[in-house]
Amino acid sequence: MKTVNKVYINGEFVTPHGTEIFDLINPSNNQKIGEVTLADETDTKNAIAAAKEAFKTFSKSTVTERIDYLTKLKVAVEKRQQDFIDIMIEEYGGTHQFVTMSNKYTGAWFDSMIEVLNTYKFEKTINSSLVKLQPVGVVGIITPWNASNSSVCSKVATAIAAGCTVVIKPSEMSALQTQVLMEAFHDAGLPKGIINFVTGLGNIVGTELTGNPDVSKISFTGSTAVGKLIAKTAVDTMKRVTLELGGKSPNIILDDADLEKAIPMAVYGAYMNSAQACIAPTRLLVPENKLNEVNAIAKTVAEKMVVGLPQNENTNIGPMVSVKQFDRVQNYIKIGLEEGATLLAGGEGKPEGLEKGNFVKATIFTNVNNKMRIAQEEIFGPVLSIIPYKTEEEAIKIANDSPYGLAAYISSADEDRAMRVASQIDAGRICVNGFSHDPLVPFGGFKQSGIGREYGAYGLEAYLEPKAILK
């Protein structure tokens, strides 16, 4: 059994003041694999104090120095690539396919911010006045369990590029992954206090970060419900916030799309990261007159989907991260049946032979009405809703009829047409004819999917305060 009994404050691994123990469970078999000693308010205050002291110097660092630090972090993280892969499979249940791809590109977060720094201007002249963009201060970084390392690295890279110091609160459920990340960041050899880790509960460590007046900004990725609580608390000290929250992303298949290509891609996309992904396209909007054809293709694809042990290279869907998450997904499958949606594939219960873990069948509902709960609420599990539409205008209306607006996807044989539709969708990031990613373009949500943007120059500016000096 593995033990995580240190936090990382002011460049050192220290025994936390907190004494509460949290059990780490392998979601593939629900066996205990480790324990983590959780940080408390005192640990969080110590980390904030270290970051505040380090900010005095680091905020005055040059672009060249920041690029050097980013390069060191990139090298240190990439050296531990296999360790990250192994521990994500064991602790999180991430599939070999997903975690291998995810960790292959972890270094890209540092590369992208280096690229931004090479051209970004921190001073600009407007008329006869000077506008200086200075680092906002100490940043509290709060990250989720479904993409722990990637989320931490992307936020840290941006903060370092801006000249901010950070206190990171990763999910307590990702403590083994955090241990590897702390070691990698330590090996990068940055000055003390720039990067600090305190693994603890949200209502303790997260609350302290959000309420402490020495923290100038919170960058949070997680649920909309928690994001709202953070925003409410942060306003008392006028913290800047970047909130990347939930999603219920539409995938619009226009009537000229190649169904034999678009539908399999849509099903696989809906189940990305075992469907524990905020950007997963879990609402599949299809022409009503092609519903039967879509159903046939989707059912065939779902039935070939491999739900299994995450270490197997052919596994497409691994376990849900916890028993709680498994129960949540099962409840939504029941809701879909009760609401009158047609069960096309999967359903309740665990796949045969996988009863010990938190495995969910690859489930598809069709003839779904967009007013149903399974179409409106984020499930965070392998449950896809197929929603028919009559016209392009109705498809756009259905896509936008959601409290969320994080991502969207459009397939069409006519790229210009797809772009016209994309311009009418309320979502922060829209992919046309496939699944694309670019760490230099902004990422974030409309409506209840969040506030602000991450990545690239847009993300960098969220960590900067403009100061106008008028002559």
Protein backbone atom coordinates (compact mmCIF):
# COMPACT_ATOMS: atom_id res chain seq x y z
CA MET A 1 0.00 0.00 0.00
CA LYS A 2 1.22 3.46 -0.91
CA THR A 3 1.33 6.36 1.52
CA VAL A 4 1.29 10.08 0.70
CA ASN A 5 2.15 11.93 3.89
CA LYS A 6 3.80 15.14 2.67
CA VAL A 7 2.70 18.43 1.21
CA TYR A 8 4.99 20.70 -0.80
CA ILE A 9 5.52 24.18 0.68
CA ASN A 10 8.28 26.69 0.01
CA GLY A 11 10.39 24.24 -1.98
CA GLU A 12 10.28 21.46 0.61
CA PHE A 13 8.29 18.29 1.29
CA VAL A 14 6.85 18.80 4.76
CA THR A 15 4.63 16.79 7.08
CA PRO A 16 1.20 18.39 7.05
CA HIS A 17 -0.37 19.93 10.12
CA GLY A 18 -3.57 18.20 9.10
CA THR A 19 -4.08 14.67 10.44
CA GLU A 20 -7.17 13.39 8.59
CA ILE A 21 -6.50 10.27 6.50
CA PHE A 22 -8.22 9.71 3.13
CA ASP A 23 -8.29 6.24 1.59
CA LEU A 24 -7.27 5.84 -2.05
CA ILE A 25 -9.29 3.21 -3.90
CA ASN A 26 -8.57 1.42 -7.18
CA PRO A 27 -11.83 1.88 -9.13
CA SER A 28 -11.25 -1.29 -11.15
CA ASN A 29 -11.77 -3.53 -8.11
CA ASN A 30 -12.58 -1.14 -5.24
CA GLN A 31 -9.54 -2.32 -3.30
CA LYS A 32 -7.66 0.13 -1.11
CA ILE A 33 -4.29 0.99 -2.66
CA GLY A 34 -3.10 3.85 -0.49
CA GLU A 35 -3.66 6.60 2.03
CA VAL A 36 -3.10 10.33 1.93
CA THR A 37 -2.75 12.62 4.94
CA LEU A 38 -4.89 15.65 4.14
CA ALA A 39 -3.74 19.22 4.55
CA ASP A 40 -5.77 21.63 6.67
CA GLU A 41 -6.22 25.40 7.05
CA THR A 42 -2.83 25.81 8.74
CA ASP A 43 -1.03 24.07 5.88
CA THR A 44 -2.93 26.18 3.39
CA LYS A 45 -2.04 29.41 5.19
CA ASN A 46 1.62 28.36 5.28
CA ALA A 47 1.57 27.66 1.54
CA ILE A 48 -0.10 31.01 0.83
CA ALA A 49 2.49 32.80 2.96
CA ALA A 50 5.32 31.09 1.05
CA ALA A 51 3.74 32.04 -2.27
CA LYS A 52 3.20 35.62 -1.13
CA GLU A 53 6.84 35.98 -0.12
CA ALA A 54 8.09 34.41 -3.35
CA PHE A 55 5.85 36.73 -5.39
CA LYS A 56 7.83 39.75 -4.24
CA THR A 57 10.78 38.58 -6.31
CA PHE A 58 9.19 36.41 -8.95
CA SER A 59 6.75 39.12 -10.05
CA LYS A 60 9.79 41.12 -11.20
CA SER A 61 11.31 38.26 -13.20
CA THR A 62 12.09 38.71 -16.88
CA VAL A 63 10.45 36.90 -19.77
CA THR A 64 13.73 35.08 -20.36
CA GLU A 65 13.74 33.81 -16.78
CA ARG A 66 10.14 32.62 -17.03
CA ILE A 67 10.86 30.79 -20.28
CA ASP A 68 13.77 29.08 -18.55
CA TYR A 69 11.51 27.96 -15.70
CA LEU A 70 8.86 26.70 -18.12
CA THR A 71 11.49 24.73 -20.00
CA LYS A 72 12.74 23.14 -16.79
CA LEU A 73 9.19 22.18 -15.79
CA LYS A 74 8.52 20.66 -19.21
CA VAL A 75 11.68 18.51 -19.06
CA ALA A 76 11.00 17.40 -15.49
CA VAL A 77 7.39 16.39 -16.23
CA GLU A 78 8.26 14.55 -19.43
CA LYS A 79 10.89 12.49 -17.59
CA ARG A 80 8.09 11.02 -15.46
CA GLN A 81 5.76 10.19 -18.34
CA GLN A 82 5.61 6.44 -17.71
CA ASP A 83 5.08 6.98 -13.99
CA PHE A 84 2.10 9.21 -14.76
CA ILE A 85 0.64 6.62 -17.12
CA ASP A 86 0.96 3.79 -14.60
CA ILE A 87 -0.46 5.71 -11.67
CA MET A 88 -3.38 7.20 -13.63
CA ILE A 89 -4.43 3.70 -14.67
CA GLU A 90 -4.23 2.40 -11.11
CA GLU A 91 -5.61 5.35 -9.14
CA TYR A 92 -8.04 6.95 -11.57
CA GLY A 93 -8.93 4.02 -13.81
CA GLY A 94 -8.03 5.99 -16.93
CA THR A 95 -7.75 3.71 -19.94
CA HIS A 96 -4.33 2.94 -21.36
CA GLN A 97 -5.47 4.56 -24.62
CA PHE A 98 -6.47 7.80 -22.95
CA VAL A 99 -3.70 8.24 -20.38
CA THR A 100 -0.98 7.41 -22.91
CA MET A 101 -2.28 10.09 -25.26
CA SER A 102 -2.87 12.57 -22.44
CA ASN A 103 0.61 12.26 -20.95
CA LYS A 104 2.28 12.30 -24.34
CA TYR A 105 1.18 15.91 -24.73
CA THR A 106 1.60 17.16 -21.14
CA GLY A 107 4.77 19.04 -22.09
CA ALA A 108 2.79 20.94 -24.72
CA TRP A 109 1.25 23.13 -22.01
CA PHE A 110 4.69 24.55 -21.24
CA ASP A 111 5.61 24.77 -24.93
CA SER A 112 2.48 26.78 -25.72
CA MET A 113 3.14 29.35 -23.02
CA ILE A 114 6.76 29.67 -24.12
CA GLU A 115 5.45 30.37 -27.62
CA VAL A 116 3.10 33.03 -26.23
CA LEU A 117 5.89 34.68 -24.24
CA ASN A 118 8.09 34.91 -27.31
CA THR A 119 5.74 37.47 -28.86
CA TYR A 120 3.57 38.80 -26.02
CA LYS A 121 3.92 42.46 -25.07
CA PHE A 122 3.59 43.21 -21.35
CA GLU A 123 3.77 46.94 -22.09
CA LYS A 124 1.66 48.74 -24.67
CA THR A 125 1.35 52.37 -25.66
CA ILE A 126 -2.09 53.88 -26.20
CA ASN A 127 -1.93 57.49 -27.41
CA SER A 128 0.60 59.03 -25.02
CA SER A 129 -0.13 56.65 -22.16
CA LEU A 130 1.63 53.46 -21.07
CA VAL A 131 -0.34 50.33 -20.20
CA LYS A 132 1.62 47.81 -18.15
CA LEU A 133 0.32 44.26 -17.66
CA GLN A 134 1.55 43.01 -14.31
CA PRO A 135 0.99 39.65 -12.56
CA VAL A 136 -2.18 39.52 -10.50
CA GLY A 137 -0.52 37.97 -7.42
CA VAL A 138 -0.81 34.65 -5.61
CA VAL A 139 -3.07 32.26 -7.50
CA GLY A 140 -5.07 29.44 -5.92
CA ILE A 141 -5.33 26.55 -8.37
CA ILE A 142 -8.09 24.00 -7.72
CA THR A 143 -8.25 20.98 -10.03
CA PRO A 144 -10.50 17.91 -10.52
CA TRP A 145 -9.88 14.17 -10.49
CA ASN A 146 -10.71 13.49 -14.13
CA ALA A 147 -7.71 15.27 -15.68
CA SER A 148 -5.51 16.07 -12.71
CA ASN A 149 -2.03 16.32 -14.21
CA SER A 150 -3.09 18.06 -17.41
CA SER A 151 -5.21 20.57 -15.52
CA VAL A 152 -2.46 21.40 -13.02
CA CYS A 153 0.22 21.72 -15.71
CA SER A 154 -1.86 23.98 -17.96
CA LYS A 155 -2.69 26.34 -15.10
CA VAL A 156 0.82 26.35 -13.62
CA ALA A 157 2.35 27.05 -17.03
CA THR A 158 0.08 30.07 -17.46
CA ALA A 159 0.74 31.38 -13.97
CA ILE A 160 4.52 31.07 -14.37
CA ALA A 161 4.33 32.83 -17.74
CA ALA A 162 2.47 35.71 -16.08
CA GLY A 163 4.88 35.97 -13.14
CA CYS A 164 2.41 34.65 -10.56
CA THR A 165 3.13 32.26 -7.71
CA VAL A 166 0.71 29.43 -6.99
CA VAL A 167 -0.86 27.28 -4.30
CA ILE A 168 -2.31 24.13 -5.85
CA LYS A 169 -5.18 22.14 -4.35
CA PRO A 170 -5.51 18.99 -6.44
CA SER A 171 -8.31 16.53 -5.84
CA GLU A 172 -7.69 14.33 -2.81
CA MET A 173 -8.71 11.42 -5.05
CA SER A 174 -5.64 12.09 -7.23
CA ALA A 175 -3.07 12.04 -4.42
CA LEU A 176 -0.80 9.41 -5.97
CA GLN A 177 -0.71 11.33 -9.24
CA THR A 178 -0.04 14.51 -7.26
CA GLN A 179 2.90 12.86 -5.52
CA VAL A 180 4.60 12.21 -8.86
CA LEU A 181 3.82 15.73 -10.03
CA MET A 182 5.20 17.31 -6.84
CA GLU A 183 8.42 15.33 -7.27
CA ALA A 184 8.71 16.39 -10.91
CA PHE A 185 8.13 20.07 -10.13
CA HIS A 186 10.65 19.88 -7.28
CA ASP A 187 13.23 18.35 -9.62
CA ALA A 188 12.74 21.32 -11.98
CA GLY A 189 14.59 23.42 -9.40
CA LEU A 190 12.53 26.62 -9.39
CA PRO A 191 13.09 29.15 -6.60
CA LYS A 192 11.33 28.32 -3.34
CA GLY A 193 7.72 29.31 -2.89
CA ILE A 194 6.78 29.78 -6.54
CA ILE A 195 4.91 26.44 -6.65
CA ASN A 196 3.21 24.93 -3.59
CA PHE A 197 0.91 21.89 -3.21
CA VAL A 198 -1.65 21.26 -0.46
CA THR A 199 -3.82 18.20 -1.03
CA GLY A 200 -6.97 18.46 1.05
CA LEU A 201 -10.74 18.65 1.05
CA GLY A 202 -12.53 21.39 -0.82
CA ASN A 203 -14.48 22.59 2.21
CA ILE A 204 -11.21 23.04 4.12
CA VAL A 205 -8.30 23.81 1.79
CA GLY A 206 -10.48 25.15 -1.01
CA THR A 207 -12.42 27.37 1.36
CA GLU A 208 -9.22 28.82 2.83
CA LEU A 209 -7.81 29.54 -0.62
CA THR A 210 -11.03 31.18 -1.74
CA GLY A 211 -11.44 33.34 1.35
CA ASN A 212 -7.84 34.25 2.16
CA PRO A 213 -7.15 37.92 1.30
CA ASP A 214 -3.54 37.13 0.30
CA VAL A 215 -4.79 35.07 -2.66
CA SER A 216 -5.56 37.36 -5.59
CA LYS A 217 -7.06 34.87 -8.03
CA ILE A 218 -8.69 31.44 -8.15
CA SER A 219 -8.41 29.23 -11.20
CA PHE A 220 -10.88 26.37 -10.81
CA THR A 221 -11.85 23.43 -12.97
CA GLY A 222 -14.73 21.31 -11.74
CA SER A 223 -18.49 21.17 -11.29
CA THR A 224 -20.80 24.11 -11.82
CA ALA A 225 -22.21 23.75 -8.30
CA VAL A 226 -18.78 24.10 -6.68
CA GLY A 227 -17.82 26.87 -9.12
CA LYS A 228 -20.80 28.92 -7.94
CA LEU A 229 -19.75 28.52 -4.30
CA ILE A 230 -16.21 29.63 -5.16
CA ALA A 231 -17.49 32.69 -7.03
CA LYS A 232 -19.72 33.68 -4.10
CA THR A 233 -16.90 33.40 -1.59
CA ALA A 234 -14.28 35.01 -3.82
CA VAL A 235 -16.25 38.20 -4.22
CA ASP A 236 -15.77 39.07 -0.54
CA THR A 237 -12.08 39.75 -1.20
CA MET A 238 -12.63 40.76 -4.84
CA LYS A 239 -10.63 37.83 -6.16
CA ARG A 240 -10.33 37.39 -9.88
CA VAL A 241 -11.76 34.02 -10.93
CA THR A 242 -11.40 31.73 -13.89
CA LEU A 243 -14.00 28.97 -13.73
CA GLU A 244 -14.07 26.06 -16.19
CA LEU A 245 -17.21 24.18 -15.24
CA GLY A 246 -19.64 21.56 -16.50
CA GLY A 247 -20.90 20.81 -19.96
CA LYS A 248 -23.58 19.02 -21.94
CA SER A 249 -22.07 19.43 -25.36
CA PRO A 250 -24.14 19.05 -28.53
CA ASN A 251 -22.84 17.19 -31.57
CA ILE A 252 -24.82 18.35 -34.61
CA ILE A 253 -24.84 15.97 -37.56
CA LEU A 254 -26.11 17.99 -40.52
CA ASP A 255 -28.14 16.26 -43.21
CA ASP A 256 -25.28 16.23 -45.72
CA ALA A 257 -22.79 14.52 -43.40
CA ASP A 258 -21.37 11.07 -44.11
CA LEU A 259 -23.12 9.04 -41.41
CA GLU A 260 -20.80 6.05 -41.75
CA LYS A 261 -17.96 8.35 -40.72
CA ALA A 262 -19.66 10.87 -38.43
CA ILE A 263 -21.71 8.53 -36.22
CA PRO A 264 -18.90 6.17 -35.11
CA MET A 265 -16.75 9.24 -34.40
CA ALA A 266 -19.61 10.73 -32.40
CA VAL A 267 -20.06 7.61 -30.27
CA TYR A 268 -16.34 7.30 -29.54
CA GLY A 269 -16.22 11.02 -28.76
CA ALA A 270 -19.09 10.77 -26.28
CA TYR A 271 -17.14 8.11 -24.41
CA MET A 272 -13.80 9.97 -24.34
CA ASN A 273 -11.93 9.52 -21.06
CA SER A 274 -14.50 6.87 -20.11
CA ALA A 275 -17.07 9.67 -20.62
CA GLN A 276 -15.73 11.45 -17.55
CA ALA A 277 -14.98 14.56 -19.58
CA CYS A 278 -16.59 17.99 -19.40
CA ILE A 279 -16.26 18.47 -23.17
CA ALA A 280 -17.74 15.08 -24.12
CA PRO A 281 -20.42 15.44 -26.85
CA THR A 282 -23.19 13.60 -25.01
CA ARG A 283 -26.10 15.10 -26.98
CA LEU A 284 -26.12 13.75 -30.55
CA LEU A 285 -28.42 15.83 -32.75
CA VAL A 286 -29.41 14.06 -35.99
CA PRO A 287 -31.87 14.66 -38.85
CA GLU A 288 -35.24 13.08 -38.00
CA ASN A 289 -35.52 11.45 -41.42
CA LYS A 290 -32.21 9.66 -40.85
CA LEU A 291 -32.86 8.55 -37.28
CA ASN A 292 -33.27 4.86 -38.10
CA GLU A 293 -30.00 4.80 -40.02
CA VAL A 294 -28.22 6.64 -37.23
CA ASN A 295 -29.64 4.25 -34.63
CA ALA A 296 -28.41 1.21 -36.53
CA ILE A 297 -24.86 2.56 -36.87
CA ALA A 298 -24.68 3.84 -33.30
CA LYS A 299 -25.97 0.56 -31.84
CA THR A 300 -23.36 -1.43 -33.78
CA VAL A 301 -20.55 0.85 -32.61
CA ALA A 302 -21.69 0.78 -28.97
CA GLU A 303 -21.91 -3.01 -28.95
CA LYS A 304 -18.31 -3.23 -30.19
CA MET A 305 -17.11 -0.76 -27.54
CA VAL A 306 -14.78 -2.51 -25.10
CA VAL A 307 -15.63 -1.84 -21.46
CA GLY A 308 -12.85 -3.37 -19.42
CA LEU A 309 -9.78 -3.17 -17.27
CA PRO A 310 -8.03 0.14 -17.97
CA GLN A 311 -4.55 -1.37 -18.33
CA ASN A 312 -5.63 -3.36 -21.41
CA GLU A 313 -4.65 -1.56 -24.60
CA ASN A 314 -7.95 -2.39 -26.36
CA THR A 315 -10.17 -1.00 -23.57
CA ASN A 316 -12.28 1.97 -24.67
CA ILE A 317 -14.19 2.60 -21.44
CA GLY A 318 -12.69 2.04 -18.00
CA PRO A 319 -14.37 2.25 -14.59
CA MET A 320 -16.05 5.27 -13.10
CA VAL A 321 -13.69 6.91 -10.61
CA SER A 322 -15.69 5.93 -7.51
CA VAL A 323 -18.70 4.01 -6.27
CA LYS A 324 -20.44 7.37 -5.83
CA GLN A 325 -19.87 8.25 -9.47
CA PHE A 326 -21.01 4.78 -10.59
CA ASP A 327 -24.23 5.16 -8.60
CA ARG A 328 -24.79 8.61 -10.11
CA VAL A 329 -24.54 7.24 -13.65
CA GLN A 330 -26.78 4.27 -12.85
CA ASN A 331 -29.39 6.66 -11.48
CA TYR A 332 -29.38 8.65 -14.71
CA ILE A 333 -29.87 5.47 -16.75
CA LYS A 334 -32.94 4.75 -14.61
CA ILE A 335 -34.14 8.32 -15.15
CA GLY A 336 -33.78 7.94 -18.92
CA LEU A 337 -35.93 4.80 -18.86
CA GLU A 338 -38.52 6.49 -16.64
CA GLU A 339 -38.62 9.54 -18.93
CA GLY A 340 -39.57 7.34 -21.88
CA ALA A 341 -36.38 7.47 -23.93
CA THR A 342 -35.70 4.39 -26.04
CA LEU A 343 -32.77 2.31 -24.77
CA LEU A 344 -30.67 1.52 -27.83
CA ALA A 345 -27.62 -0.04 -26.18
CA GLY A 346 -26.27 -0.80 -22.71
CA GLY A 347 -28.49 -0.09 -19.75
CA GLU A 348 -28.46 -0.70 -16.03
CA GLY A 349 -25.97 -2.88 -14.19
CA LYS A 350 -22.35 -3.85 -14.72
CA PRO A 351 -20.91 -5.70 -17.72
CA GLU A 352 -20.44 -9.41 -17.13
CA GLY A 353 -17.14 -10.28 -15.47
CA LEU A 354 -16.55 -6.73 -14.17
CA GLU A 355 -18.73 -6.83 -11.09
CA LYS A 356 -15.95 -5.87 -8.64
CA GLY A 357 -15.26 -2.46 -10.18
CA ASN A 358 -17.25 0.66 -11.06
CA PHE A 359 -17.92 -0.31 -14.66
CA VAL A 360 -20.88 1.02 -16.65
CA LYS A 361 -22.19 -0.42 -19.90
CA ALA A 362 -21.76 1.68 -23.04
CA THR A 363 -25.27 3.14 -23.01
CA ILE A 364 -27.22 4.97 -25.71
CA PHE A 365 -30.72 6.40 -25.50
CA THR A 366 -32.53 7.43 -28.70
CA ASN A 367 -35.76 9.31 -29.40
CA VAL A 368 -34.65 11.66 -26.64
CA ASN A 369 -36.49 14.92 -26.11
CA ASN A 370 -34.14 17.76 -25.22
CA LYS A 371 -36.34 18.62 -22.22
CA MET A 372 -35.52 15.29 -20.56
CA ARG A 373 -33.11 15.32 -17.64
CA ILE A 374 -30.70 13.00 -19.46
CA ALA A 375 -30.45 15.69 -22.15
CA GLN A 376 -30.17 18.66 -19.82
CA GLU A 377 -28.00 17.45 -16.93
CA GLU A 378 -24.33 16.50 -16.94
CA ILE A 379 -24.06 12.76 -16.26
CA PHE A 380 -20.27 12.30 -16.46
CA GLY A 381 -20.54 8.70 -17.58
CA PRO A 382 -21.00 6.66 -20.80
CA VAL A 383 -24.59 7.67 -21.54
CA LEU A 384 -25.27 9.19 -24.97
CA SER A 385 -28.58 10.81 -25.91
CA ILE A 386 -29.65 10.82 -29.58
CA ILE A 387 -32.00 13.74 -30.25
CA PRO A 388 -33.80 14.07 -33.63
CA TYR A 389 -34.44 17.42 -35.31
CA LYS A 390 -36.44 18.49 -38.37
CA THR A 391 -34.54 21.51 -39.69
CA GLU A 392 -31.16 23.13 -39.35
CA GLU A 393 -32.76 25.99 -37.45
CA GLU A 394 -34.29 23.55 -34.98
CA ALA A 395 -30.91 21.84 -34.52
CA ILE A 396 -29.35 25.18 -33.58
CA LYS A 397 -32.22 25.90 -31.19
CA ILE A 398 -31.87 22.50 -29.49
CA ALA A 399 -28.09 22.86 -29.25
CA ASN A 400 -28.47 26.21 -27.48
CA ASP A 401 -31.34 25.02 -25.27
CA SER A 402 -29.04 24.08 -22.40
CA PRO A 403 -27.77 25.71 -19.23
CA TYR A 404 -24.27 24.85 -20.44
CA GLY A 405 -22.08 26.16 -23.24
CA LEU A 406 -18.62 24.65 -22.96
CA ALA A 407 -18.08 22.83 -26.26
CA ALA A 408 -19.93 21.83 -29.41
CA TYR A 409 -19.27 19.71 -32.49
CA ILE A 410 -20.59 19.93 -36.05
CA SER A 411 -20.30 17.51 -38.98
CA SER A 412 -21.10 18.48 -42.56
CA ALA A 413 -19.86 17.81 -46.08
CA ASP A 414 -19.94 21.58 -46.59
CA GLU A 415 -17.37 23.25 -44.35
CA ASP A 416 -18.75 26.74 -45.03
CA ARG A 417 -22.17 25.56 -43.91
CA ALA A 418 -20.69 24.03 -40.77
CA MET A 419 -18.94 27.31 -40.03
CA ARG A 420 -22.21 29.23 -40.43
CA VAL A 421 -23.90 26.92 -37.96
CA ALA A 422 -20.93 27.17 -35.59
CA SER A 423 -21.28 30.95 -35.53
CA GLN A 424 -24.78 30.52 -34.09
CA ILE A 425 -23.90 28.07 -31.31
CA ASP A 426 -23.39 29.38 -27.77
CA ALA A 427 -20.25 27.47 -26.78
CA GLY A 428 -16.70 28.44 -25.95
CA ARG A 429 -15.05 25.91 -28.24
CA ILE A 430 -16.55 24.34 -31.37
CA CYS A 431 -14.97 21.57 -33.47
CA VAL A 432 -15.91 21.11 -37.12
CA ASN A 433 -15.71 17.65 -38.72
CA GLY A 434 -13.74 15.94 -36.01
CA PHE A 435 -12.09 16.42 -32.64
CA SER A 436 -9.36 19.03 -32.60
CA HIS A 437 -7.24 20.58 -29.88
CA ASP A 438 -4.98 23.62 -29.91
CA PRO A 439 -3.37 24.80 -26.64
CA LEU A 440 -2.98 28.30 -28.07
CA VAL A 441 -6.67 29.02 -28.68
CA PRO A 442 -9.02 29.96 -25.83
CA PHE A 443 -10.93 27.37 -23.83
CA GLY A 444 -13.84 28.05 -21.50
CA GLY A 445 -17.59 28.24 -21.39
CA PHE A 446 -20.69 30.28 -22.03
CA LYS A 447 -23.53 30.39 -19.49
CA GLN A 448 -23.12 27.95 -16.58
CA SER A 449 -20.06 26.36 -18.13
CA GLY A 450 -17.89 29.02 -16.56
CA ILE A 451 -16.31 32.44 -16.46
CA GLY A 452 -13.19 33.48 -18.35
CA ARG A 453 -10.88 31.63 -20.70
CA GLU A 454 -7.76 29.50 -20.41
CA TYR A 455 -4.89 28.64 -22.78
CA GLY A 456 -2.71 30.83 -24.94
CA ALA A 457 -2.67 34.61 -24.80
CA TYR A 458 -6.33 34.76 -23.70
CA GLY A 459 -5.52 32.55 -20.73
CA LEU A 460 -2.38 34.52 -19.90
CA GLU A 461 -4.28 37.80 -19.69
CA ALA A 462 -6.55 36.34 -17.03
CA TYR A 463 -3.46 36.24 -14.75
CA LEU A 464 -2.50 39.86 -15.47
CA GLU A 465 -3.77 43.23 -14.27
CA PRO A 466 -3.62 46.18 -16.68
CA LYS A 467 -2.21 49.36 -15.17
CA ALA A 468 -2.51 52.58 -17.12
CA ILE A 469 0.13 55.29 -16.62
CA LEU A 470 -1.03 58.55 -18.14
CA LYS A 471 1.35 61.36 -18.95
